[in-house]
Amino acid sequence: MDLKINRNHIQSLLKQHGLGKLDSLKMIKSGLSNPAFYVNDDLVLRISSEPTGKSFEKEKFLFGLVKKKTGLPVPQVVAIDHCKGVIPHTYFLLRRIPGRILSDCAGEYSEKQKKESMRQIGSALGRLHTIKFKHFGNFQGSSLVAEDSWKSMIMKRYSENFSLVKARKLMDRRLLAQVSKFVAANVYLLDLKVTPSLVHSDYSQSNILFEKGKLTGIIDFEWSYSGHSECDLRNFDSKFDKLLDYRPFLLEGYNSIIRRPKEYSKFESFYGIIQNLRMLVWVDLTKPALNPAKYIKMTQKYLSEANF
């Protein structure tokens, strides 16, 4: 993305919102779809990488919903501006949450702190999943655009990403054939009767903040939707690779809020493989500098465990 902003732009933005003088500006470099900056250490400025900036309106709605329904710590919105008058981009201005992302601080924790951190992460995810909706679907701003069914929603995503992976040759043909066979054999899993929940969709060590062993924030609801809660519990190896040995404690925390179904391992593989296709496409189209190998390896692991 070609950023067309400078310190004068940021100073004008602060002035517009009565936020004083610009003292410091630091770009946030870890794992973001949209460019972002720390401003004066107490604000976060996110710049939309899409023309409309609709995902910011969606996140604003979901931050408010999560805070109201669960009390979990999420960013406080200062402003969203689409007019591009102060800076030449749509922007999202937020109060900075105290703490650091888990991937940056987990290595400093004792065994006891790591276990307790994962329990908190699991419990918080369970609380997110207590937010229910009448329909499966995607959010556009504060509106939920309903899908005909969960099965149609997921299979539409799968078909689109499968076609792109195949066309762009992002996966070996034999492995892709195994994926197709696996999905066809397990598509019955989507004929389920559950109440749709809020799915974060990127609940990971990069989007959870901690300070002194306490969970202080959950961020980045850009990919969230109304779906099956099990979608947030797949691809653990990728999402929490700094704490792989502590998965049981995350599940302990989660199960203290919501009991998982007996078939959870089947859902993990099924949703994990479908998500890996999506991530291969996302990396190829938007983050070519990233190595997609981990998504291939996770797919191979799921297929091997399922004897495919």
Protein backbone atom coordinates (compact mmCIF):
# COMPACT_ATOMS: atom_id res chain seq x y z
CA MET A 1 0.00 0.00 0.00
CA ASP A 2 1.30 3.46 -0.94
CA LEU A 3 1.03 5.53 2.26
CA LYS A 4 0.65 9.23 1.58
CA ILE A 5 0.88 10.65 5.09
CA ASN A 6 3.48 12.55 7.10
CA ARG A 7 3.81 14.08 10.56
CA ASN A 8 1.94 17.21 9.48
CA HIS A 9 -1.05 15.06 8.52
CA ILE A 10 -1.01 13.36 11.93
CA GLN A 11 -0.73 16.70 13.74
CA SER A 12 -3.76 17.99 11.82
CA LEU A 13 -5.67 14.84 12.72
CA LEU A 14 -4.91 15.28 16.43
CA LYS A 15 -5.94 18.92 16.27
CA GLN A 16 -9.25 18.03 14.63
CA HIS A 17 -10.11 15.70 17.49
CA GLY A 18 -8.79 17.94 20.27
CA LEU A 19 -6.00 15.54 21.16
CA GLY A 20 -3.13 17.99 21.53
CA LYS A 21 0.34 17.96 20.03
CA LEU A 22 2.13 15.17 18.19
CA ASP A 23 5.07 14.05 20.32
CA SER A 24 5.83 10.57 18.97
CA LEU A 25 4.89 8.39 16.02
CA LYS A 26 5.90 4.75 15.61
CA MET A 27 4.79 2.28 12.96
CA ILE A 28 3.45 -1.07 14.21
CA LYS A 29 5.16 -3.78 12.21
CA SER A 30 3.70 -7.10 13.38
CA GLY A 31 1.06 -8.98 11.40
CA LEU A 32 -1.42 -6.32 10.33
CA SER A 33 -3.59 -6.20 7.22
CA ASN A 34 -3.88 -2.43 7.57
CA PRO A 35 -0.90 -0.11 8.24
CA ALA A 36 -0.96 1.13 11.83
CA PHE A 37 0.91 3.52 14.11
CA TYR A 38 1.31 4.25 17.80
CA VAL A 39 0.62 7.97 18.24
CA ASN A 40 1.89 9.64 21.45
CA ASP A 41 1.96 6.20 23.12
CA ASP A 42 -1.75 6.42 24.03
CA LEU A 43 -3.41 6.18 20.61
CA VAL A 44 -3.42 3.72 17.72
CA LEU A 45 -3.97 5.00 14.20
CA ARG A 46 -4.97 2.42 11.60
CA ILE A 47 -5.06 3.24 7.89
CA SER A 48 -7.47 1.36 5.63
CA SER A 49 -5.87 -0.71 2.88
CA GLU A 50 -9.21 -0.90 1.07
CA PRO A 51 -10.96 2.01 -0.71
CA THR A 52 -14.12 2.02 1.43
CA GLY A 53 -12.77 1.26 4.90
CA LYS A 54 -15.96 -0.71 5.64
CA SER A 55 -14.12 -3.15 7.89
CA PHE A 56 -13.49 -0.30 10.35
CA GLU A 57 -17.24 0.32 10.73
CA LYS A 58 -17.68 -3.40 11.32
CA GLU A 59 -14.99 -3.45 13.99
CA LYS A 60 -16.44 -0.39 15.71
CA PHE A 61 -19.79 -2.18 15.95
CA LEU A 62 -18.22 -5.39 17.23
CA PHE A 63 -16.05 -3.61 19.82
CA GLY A 64 -19.21 -2.07 21.24
CA LEU A 65 -21.10 -5.36 21.13
CA VAL A 66 -18.34 -7.34 22.83
CA LYS A 67 -17.94 -4.71 25.56
CA LYS A 68 -21.68 -4.60 26.20
CA LYS A 69 -22.29 -8.35 26.14
CA THR A 70 -19.17 -9.66 27.89
CA GLY A 71 -17.20 -6.80 29.46
CA LEU A 72 -14.03 -8.12 27.82
CA PRO A 73 -11.32 -5.50 27.16
CA VAL A 74 -11.46 -4.28 23.55
CA PRO A 75 -10.26 -1.04 21.93
CA GLN A 76 -12.13 2.20 22.59
CA VAL A 77 -12.93 4.01 19.35
CA VAL A 78 -12.02 7.71 19.12
CA ALA A 79 -12.94 8.31 15.48
CA ILE A 80 -13.45 6.86 12.02
CA ASP A 81 -13.05 9.22 9.07
CA HIS A 82 -13.85 8.33 5.45
CA CYS A 83 -13.72 11.86 4.00
CA LYS A 84 -9.91 11.89 3.41
CA GLY A 85 -9.83 15.59 4.15
CA VAL A 86 -7.30 15.61 6.99
CA ILE A 87 -5.19 12.72 5.71
CA PRO A 88 -5.56 11.14 2.24
CA HIS A 89 -6.76 7.79 3.60
CA THR A 90 -9.70 6.39 5.53
CA TYR A 91 -8.52 6.02 9.13
CA PHE A 92 -9.52 4.43 12.42
CA LEU A 93 -8.33 6.13 15.63
CA LEU A 94 -8.37 4.11 18.86
CA ARG A 95 -7.27 4.44 22.46
CA ARG A 96 -4.25 2.23 22.99
CA ILE A 97 -4.81 -0.75 25.27
CA PRO A 98 -2.07 -1.30 27.88
CA GLY A 99 0.13 -4.35 27.51
CA ARG A 100 1.96 -6.25 24.78
CA ILE A 101 0.81 -8.90 22.37
CA LEU A 102 1.26 -12.40 23.78
CA SER A 103 3.79 -13.45 21.15
CA ASP A 104 6.12 -10.70 22.41
CA CYS A 105 5.87 -11.42 26.13
CA ALA A 106 5.15 -15.16 26.48
CA GLY A 107 8.85 -16.02 26.51
CA GLU A 108 9.31 -13.97 29.69
CA TYR A 109 6.62 -15.83 31.66
CA SER A 110 7.16 -18.59 34.21
CA GLU A 111 5.51 -21.98 33.76
CA LYS A 112 2.77 -20.94 36.16
CA GLN A 113 2.15 -17.67 34.29
CA LYS A 114 2.00 -19.44 30.92
CA LYS A 115 -0.60 -21.88 32.20
CA GLU A 116 -2.68 -19.12 33.75
CA SER A 117 -2.37 -16.95 30.63
CA MET A 118 -3.73 -19.75 28.47
CA ARG A 119 -6.61 -20.33 30.89
CA GLN A 120 -7.49 -16.64 30.58
CA ILE A 121 -7.27 -16.83 26.79
CA GLY A 122 -9.57 -19.85 26.72
CA SER A 123 -12.06 -18.32 29.12
CA ALA A 124 -12.16 -15.08 27.12
CA LEU A 125 -12.79 -17.02 23.91
CA GLY A 126 -15.63 -18.87 25.59
CA ARG A 127 -17.15 -15.55 26.63
CA LEU A 128 -16.88 -14.25 23.05
CA HIS A 129 -18.77 -17.34 21.92
CA THR A 130 -21.64 -16.58 24.30
CA ILE A 131 -22.56 -13.75 21.90
CA LYS A 132 -25.26 -15.31 19.74
CA PHE A 133 -27.09 -14.31 16.56
CA LYS A 134 -30.23 -15.42 14.75
CA HIS A 135 -28.44 -16.14 11.49
CA PHE A 136 -25.10 -17.24 10.06
CA GLY A 137 -23.46 -14.60 7.93
CA ASN A 138 -21.03 -11.73 7.52
CA PHE A 139 -21.14 -8.23 8.97
CA GLN A 140 -21.36 -5.09 6.90
CA GLY A 141 -20.97 -2.29 9.38
CA SER A 142 -23.51 -2.97 12.12
CA SER A 143 -25.68 -5.15 9.86
CA LEU A 144 -25.51 -8.93 9.66
CA VAL A 145 -25.99 -10.15 6.09
CA ALA A 146 -27.58 -13.56 6.58
CA GLU A 147 -26.60 -16.65 4.60
CA ASP A 148 -29.07 -19.37 3.62
CA SER A 149 -27.28 -21.86 5.87
CA TRP A 150 -23.96 -22.53 7.56
CA LYS A 151 -23.23 -25.21 4.98
CA SER A 152 -23.78 -22.88 2.04
CA MET A 153 -21.68 -20.15 3.67
CA ILE A 154 -18.66 -22.39 4.30
CA MET A 155 -18.84 -24.28 1.01
CA LYS A 156 -19.00 -21.01 -0.90
CA ARG A 157 -15.80 -19.88 0.83
CA TYR A 158 -14.19 -23.25 0.24
CA SER A 159 -15.07 -23.35 -3.46
CA GLU A 160 -13.77 -19.82 -4.07
CA ASN A 161 -10.47 -20.43 -2.31
CA PHE A 162 -9.99 -23.92 -3.75
CA SER A 163 -10.38 -22.51 -7.26
CA LEU A 164 -7.88 -19.72 -6.56
CA VAL A 165 -5.34 -22.08 -4.99
CA LYS A 166 -5.62 -24.35 -8.02
CA ALA A 167 -5.49 -21.54 -10.59
CA ARG A 168 -2.53 -19.82 -8.92
CA LYS A 169 -0.74 -23.15 -8.31
CA LEU A 170 -0.33 -22.51 -4.60
CA MET A 171 -0.50 -26.20 -3.66
CA ASP A 172 0.76 -29.44 -5.19
CA ARG A 173 -1.91 -31.05 -7.38
CA ARG A 174 -1.86 -34.34 -5.48
CA LEU A 175 -2.24 -32.58 -2.15
CA LEU A 176 -5.07 -30.48 -3.55
CA ALA A 177 -6.79 -33.66 -4.74
CA GLN A 178 -6.50 -35.07 -1.20
CA VAL A 179 -8.06 -31.89 0.16
CA SER A 180 -10.97 -32.21 -2.26
CA LYS A 181 -11.51 -35.84 -1.26
CA PHE A 182 -11.30 -35.00 2.45
CA VAL A 183 -13.82 -32.15 2.24
CA ALA A 184 -16.26 -34.27 0.22
CA ALA A 185 -16.05 -37.06 2.81
CA ASN A 186 -16.62 -34.70 5.75
CA VAL A 187 -19.05 -32.12 4.39
CA TYR A 188 -21.77 -33.81 6.46
CA LEU A 189 -20.25 -32.03 9.49
CA LEU A 190 -21.84 -28.82 8.22
CA ASP A 191 -25.35 -30.26 8.61
CA LEU A 192 -25.35 -29.27 12.25
CA LYS A 193 -27.87 -27.63 14.51
CA VAL A 194 -26.19 -24.91 16.54
CA THR A 195 -26.97 -21.32 17.37
CA PRO A 196 -24.62 -18.98 15.47
CA SER A 197 -21.93 -17.36 17.63
CA LEU A 198 -19.53 -14.50 17.17
CA VAL A 199 -16.40 -15.98 15.56
CA HIS A 200 -13.30 -13.81 15.96
CA SER A 201 -11.59 -15.67 13.09
CA ASP A 202 -8.06 -14.54 14.00
CA TYR A 203 -7.93 -15.30 17.72
CA SER A 204 -4.19 -15.71 18.17
CA GLN A 205 -1.07 -14.73 20.10
CA SER A 206 -0.77 -11.65 17.85
CA ASN A 207 -4.22 -10.29 18.72
CA ILE A 208 -4.32 -10.80 22.50
CA LEU A 209 -2.58 -8.37 24.87
CA PHE A 210 -1.18 -9.08 28.33
CA GLU A 211 0.32 -6.98 31.08
CA LYS A 212 1.88 -8.53 34.20
CA GLY A 213 0.23 -11.86 33.47
CA LYS A 214 -3.26 -10.42 32.98
CA LEU A 215 -5.21 -10.36 29.73
CA THR A 216 -5.71 -6.66 28.96
CA GLY A 217 -7.08 -6.63 25.43
CA ILE A 218 -8.46 -8.50 22.42
CA ILE A 219 -7.97 -6.73 19.11
CA ASP A 220 -8.51 -7.05 15.35
CA PHE A 221 -12.07 -8.20 14.66
CA GLU A 222 -11.67 -7.40 10.97
CA TRP A 223 -12.36 -10.98 9.83
CA SER A 224 -15.12 -11.73 12.36
CA TYR A 225 -18.48 -13.20 11.39
CA SER A 226 -21.49 -15.07 12.75
CA GLY A 227 -20.72 -18.77 12.55
CA HIS A 228 -19.89 -22.03 14.30
CA SER A 229 -17.78 -21.39 17.39
CA GLU A 230 -15.47 -24.33 16.59
CA CYS A 231 -13.95 -22.25 13.77
CA ASP A 232 -12.00 -20.29 16.39
CA LEU A 233 -10.45 -23.48 17.79
CA ARG A 234 -8.69 -24.74 14.67
CA ASN A 235 -5.07 -24.26 13.57
CA PHE A 236 -3.75 -23.99 17.13
CA ASP A 237 -0.21 -24.82 15.97
CA SER A 238 -0.17 -21.69 13.84
CA LYS A 239 -2.05 -19.34 16.13
CA PHE A 240 -0.16 -20.13 19.35
CA ASP A 241 3.20 -21.48 18.21
CA LYS A 242 4.92 -19.78 21.16
CA LEU A 243 2.85 -21.85 23.60
CA LEU A 244 2.20 -25.18 21.88
CA ASP A 245 2.64 -27.24 25.04
CA TYR A 246 0.00 -25.21 26.89
CA ARG A 247 -3.01 -25.97 24.71
CA PRO A 248 -4.72 -28.06 27.46
CA PHE A 249 -4.89 -24.98 29.67
CA LEU A 250 -6.56 -22.90 26.95
CA LEU A 251 -9.15 -25.65 26.55
CA GLU A 252 -9.56 -25.86 30.33
CA GLY A 253 -10.42 -22.16 30.39
CA TYR A 254 -12.71 -22.49 27.40
CA ASN A 255 -14.58 -25.47 28.83
CA SER A 256 -15.22 -23.55 32.03
CA ILE A 257 -17.51 -21.35 29.92
CA ILE A 258 -18.63 -23.57 27.01
CA ARG A 259 -18.45 -27.36 26.68
CA ARG A 260 -17.10 -28.46 23.32
CA PRO A 261 -18.93 -31.14 21.27
CA LYS A 262 -17.62 -34.72 21.24
CA GLU A 263 -16.75 -34.41 17.54
CA TYR A 264 -14.45 -31.42 18.09
CA SER A 265 -11.38 -33.11 16.58
CA LYS A 266 -13.21 -33.65 13.29
CA PHE A 267 -14.24 -30.00 13.20
CA GLU A 268 -10.65 -28.91 13.90
CA SER A 269 -9.37 -30.78 10.84
CA PHE A 270 -12.23 -29.77 8.57
CA TYR A 271 -12.24 -26.07 9.43
CA GLY A 272 -8.46 -26.02 9.63
CA ILE A 273 -7.98 -27.28 6.08
CA ILE A 274 -10.55 -24.85 4.69
CA GLN A 275 -8.90 -21.97 6.54
CA ASN A 276 -5.47 -22.98 5.24
CA LEU A 277 -6.71 -22.59 1.66
CA ARG A 278 -7.93 -19.12 2.52
CA MET A 279 -4.60 -18.20 4.10
CA LEU A 280 -2.64 -19.41 1.08
CA VAL A 281 -4.70 -17.10 -1.12
CA TRP A 282 -4.41 -14.20 1.35
CA VAL A 283 -0.62 -14.52 1.56
CA ASP A 284 -0.30 -14.78 -2.22
CA LEU A 285 -2.49 -11.75 -2.92
CA THR A 286 -1.61 -9.41 -0.06
CA LYS A 287 1.51 -10.61 1.80
CA PRO A 288 3.86 -12.18 -0.77
CA ALA A 289 6.85 -11.67 1.54
CA LEU A 290 5.40 -14.19 4.02
CA ASN A 291 6.25 -17.88 3.80
CA PRO A 292 3.10 -19.94 3.12
CA ALA A 293 4.83 -23.25 3.95
CA LYS A 294 3.23 -23.55 7.39
CA TYR A 295 -0.25 -23.69 5.86
CA ILE A 296 0.85 -26.51 3.55
CA LYS A 297 2.40 -28.41 6.48
CA MET A 298 -0.71 -28.00 8.65
CA THR A 299 -2.88 -29.26 5.81
CA GLN A 300 -0.64 -32.31 5.38
CA LYS A 301 -0.79 -32.95 9.12
CA TYR A 302 -4.59 -32.85 9.21
CA LEU A 303 -4.86 -35.17 6.21
CA SER A 304 -2.33 -37.60 7.68
CA GLU A 305 -4.17 -37.74 11.00
CA ALA A 306 -7.39 -38.47 9.10
CA ASN A 307 -5.67 -41.15 6.97
CA PHE A 308 -6.19 -39.26 3.70
